[in-house]
Amino acid sequence: MEMLIKVLHNYYYMAAILLFVIGMHTMLTHSNLIKKVIAMNIMDTSVFLLFVAVGYTYGGQAPIVQQGKEVIYINPLPSSLMLTGIVVAISITAYALSLIVKIYRYYGTVDYDEICLIRSQE
């Protein structure tokens, strides 16, 4: 019972793990390249959620120091790192989608298995 209470108290960790597993499953089981990019974005989102959740402190405030007050502050480092990660993830997504457009123009499909079949016949 105590274990269940701990799991329910830290539900954001479980949500991050679930999102990552969903993304990984989609990445491994689908051959459509666009679905693979979406799965990669789901996995990125789970990592962002995990890092922001680790940096959060219950009852904490923004890290603005005020003289004479003893307060618990939230760690700003994970949030700032995740902002950088979001920018990188958007850039990678845009690049991957542009490559998929080029692949579609050349092969006429975005299905990885069909592309491998076409390449083996050339």
Protein backbone atom coordinates (compact mmCIF):
# COMPACT_ATOMS: atom_id res chain seq x y z
CA MET A 1 0.00 0.00 0.00
CA GLU A 2 2.86 2.33 0.82
CA MET A 3 4.38 1.69 -2.60
CA LEU A 4 1.09 2.64 -4.31
CA ILE A 5 0.95 5.88 -2.34
CA LYS A 6 4.49 6.76 -3.44
CA VAL A 7 3.64 6.01 -7.07
CA LEU A 8 0.50 8.15 -6.92
CA HIS A 9 2.40 10.95 -5.20
CA ASN A 10 4.99 10.98 -8.02
CA TYR A 11 2.58 10.58 -10.92
CA TYR A 12 4.60 12.88 -13.19
CA TYR A 13 7.47 10.36 -13.21
CA MET A 14 5.05 7.64 -14.24
CA ALA A 15 3.59 9.92 -16.93
CA ALA A 16 7.10 10.58 -18.30
CA ILE A 17 7.89 6.86 -18.37
CA LEU A 18 4.55 6.07 -20.05
CA LEU A 19 5.10 8.75 -22.72
CA PHE A 20 8.60 7.47 -23.40
CA VAL A 21 7.36 3.88 -23.75
CA ILE A 22 4.58 5.00 -26.12
CA GLY A 23 7.11 6.90 -28.25
CA MET A 24 9.59 4.02 -28.27
CA HIS A 25 6.88 1.49 -29.19
CA THR A 26 5.68 3.68 -32.04
CA MET A 27 9.24 4.24 -33.24
CA LEU A 28 9.98 0.52 -33.34
CA THR A 29 6.70 -0.82 -34.74
CA HIS A 30 5.73 1.64 -37.48
CA SER A 31 7.51 1.98 -40.80
CA ASN A 32 5.96 5.32 -41.76
CA LEU A 33 8.66 7.99 -41.45
CA ILE A 34 6.24 10.72 -40.34
CA LYS A 35 4.98 8.50 -37.52
CA LYS A 36 8.59 7.94 -36.50
CA VAL A 37 9.16 11.70 -36.27
CA ILE A 38 6.01 12.08 -34.18
CA ALA A 39 7.18 9.25 -31.92
CA MET A 40 10.55 10.97 -31.52
CA ASN A 41 8.73 14.14 -30.45
CA ILE A 42 6.70 12.20 -27.90
CA MET A 43 9.92 10.77 -26.49
CA ASP A 44 11.44 14.28 -26.35
CA THR A 45 8.40 15.54 -24.49
CA SER A 46 8.70 12.76 -21.92
CA VAL A 47 12.33 13.69 -21.25
CA PHE A 48 11.37 17.36 -20.87
CA LEU A 49 8.62 16.42 -18.42
CA LEU A 50 11.01 14.26 -16.39
CA PHE A 51 13.67 16.95 -16.08
CA VAL A 52 11.22 19.71 -15.17
CA ALA A 53 9.56 17.43 -12.61
CA VAL A 54 12.93 16.64 -11.03
CA GLY A 55 13.68 20.37 -10.70
CA TYR A 56 10.35 21.21 -9.08
CA THR A 57 10.05 21.58 -5.30
CA TYR A 58 6.69 21.49 -3.51
CA GLY A 59 6.00 24.84 -1.89
CA GLY A 60 8.93 26.41 -3.68
CA GLN A 61 8.99 29.86 -5.17
CA ALA A 62 10.72 31.41 -8.14
CA PRO A 63 14.42 31.94 -7.42
CA ILE A 64 14.20 35.65 -6.72
CA VAL A 65 16.18 36.37 -3.57
CA GLN A 66 14.62 38.73 -1.03
CA GLN A 67 16.55 40.01 1.96
CA GLY A 68 15.52 38.68 5.35
CA LYS A 69 13.30 35.84 4.12
CA GLU A 70 14.01 32.13 4.38
CA VAL A 71 12.21 30.51 1.45
CA ILE A 72 12.48 27.30 -0.52
CA TYR A 73 13.37 27.97 -4.12
CA ILE A 74 12.68 25.96 -7.26
CA ASN A 75 15.81 24.94 -9.14
CA PRO A 76 15.84 27.01 -12.39
CA LEU A 77 18.56 24.97 -14.11
CA PRO A 78 16.38 22.06 -15.39
CA SER A 79 13.81 24.49 -16.79
CA SER A 80 16.44 26.55 -18.60
CA LEU A 81 18.11 23.42 -19.99
CA MET A 82 14.77 22.14 -21.23
CA LEU A 83 14.11 25.42 -23.05
CA THR A 84 17.32 24.79 -24.94
CA GLY A 85 16.25 21.17 -25.51
CA ILE A 86 12.91 22.31 -26.92
CA VAL A 87 14.66 24.56 -29.44
CA VAL A 88 16.94 21.69 -30.49
CA ALA A 89 13.97 19.30 -30.75
CA ILE A 90 12.07 21.74 -32.98
CA SER A 91 15.12 22.16 -35.21
CA ILE A 92 15.62 18.41 -35.53
CA THR A 93 11.92 17.93 -36.29
CA ALA A 94 12.00 20.56 -39.01
CA TYR A 95 15.12 19.02 -40.53
CA ALA A 96 13.68 15.49 -40.39
CA LEU A 97 10.43 16.59 -42.01
CA SER A 98 12.34 18.38 -44.79
CA LEU A 99 14.29 15.17 -45.43
CA ILE A 100 11.02 13.21 -45.51
CA VAL A 101 9.68 15.61 -48.15
CA LYS A 102 12.81 15.02 -50.26
CA ILE A 103 12.48 11.25 -49.78
CA TYR A 104 8.83 11.38 -50.83
CA ARG A 105 9.68 13.35 -53.97
CA TYR A 106 12.39 10.86 -54.92
CA TYR A 107 10.72 7.54 -54.00
CA GLY A 108 7.02 8.47 -54.03
CA THR A 109 6.44 7.02 -50.56
CA VAL A 110 7.30 7.65 -46.91
CA ASP A 111 7.09 4.00 -45.87
CA TYR A 112 10.53 2.73 -44.86
CA ASP A 113 9.87 -0.86 -45.93
CA GLU A 114 8.76 0.23 -49.40
CA ILE A 115 11.82 2.47 -49.75
CA CYS A 116 14.09 -0.47 -48.87
CA LEU A 117 12.27 -2.61 -51.44
CA ILE A 118 12.68 0.09 -54.11
CA ARG A 119 16.38 0.50 -53.28
CA SER A 120 16.99 -3.24 -53.48
CA GLN A 121 15.50 -3.34 -56.99
CA GLU A 122 17.72 -0.55 -58.31
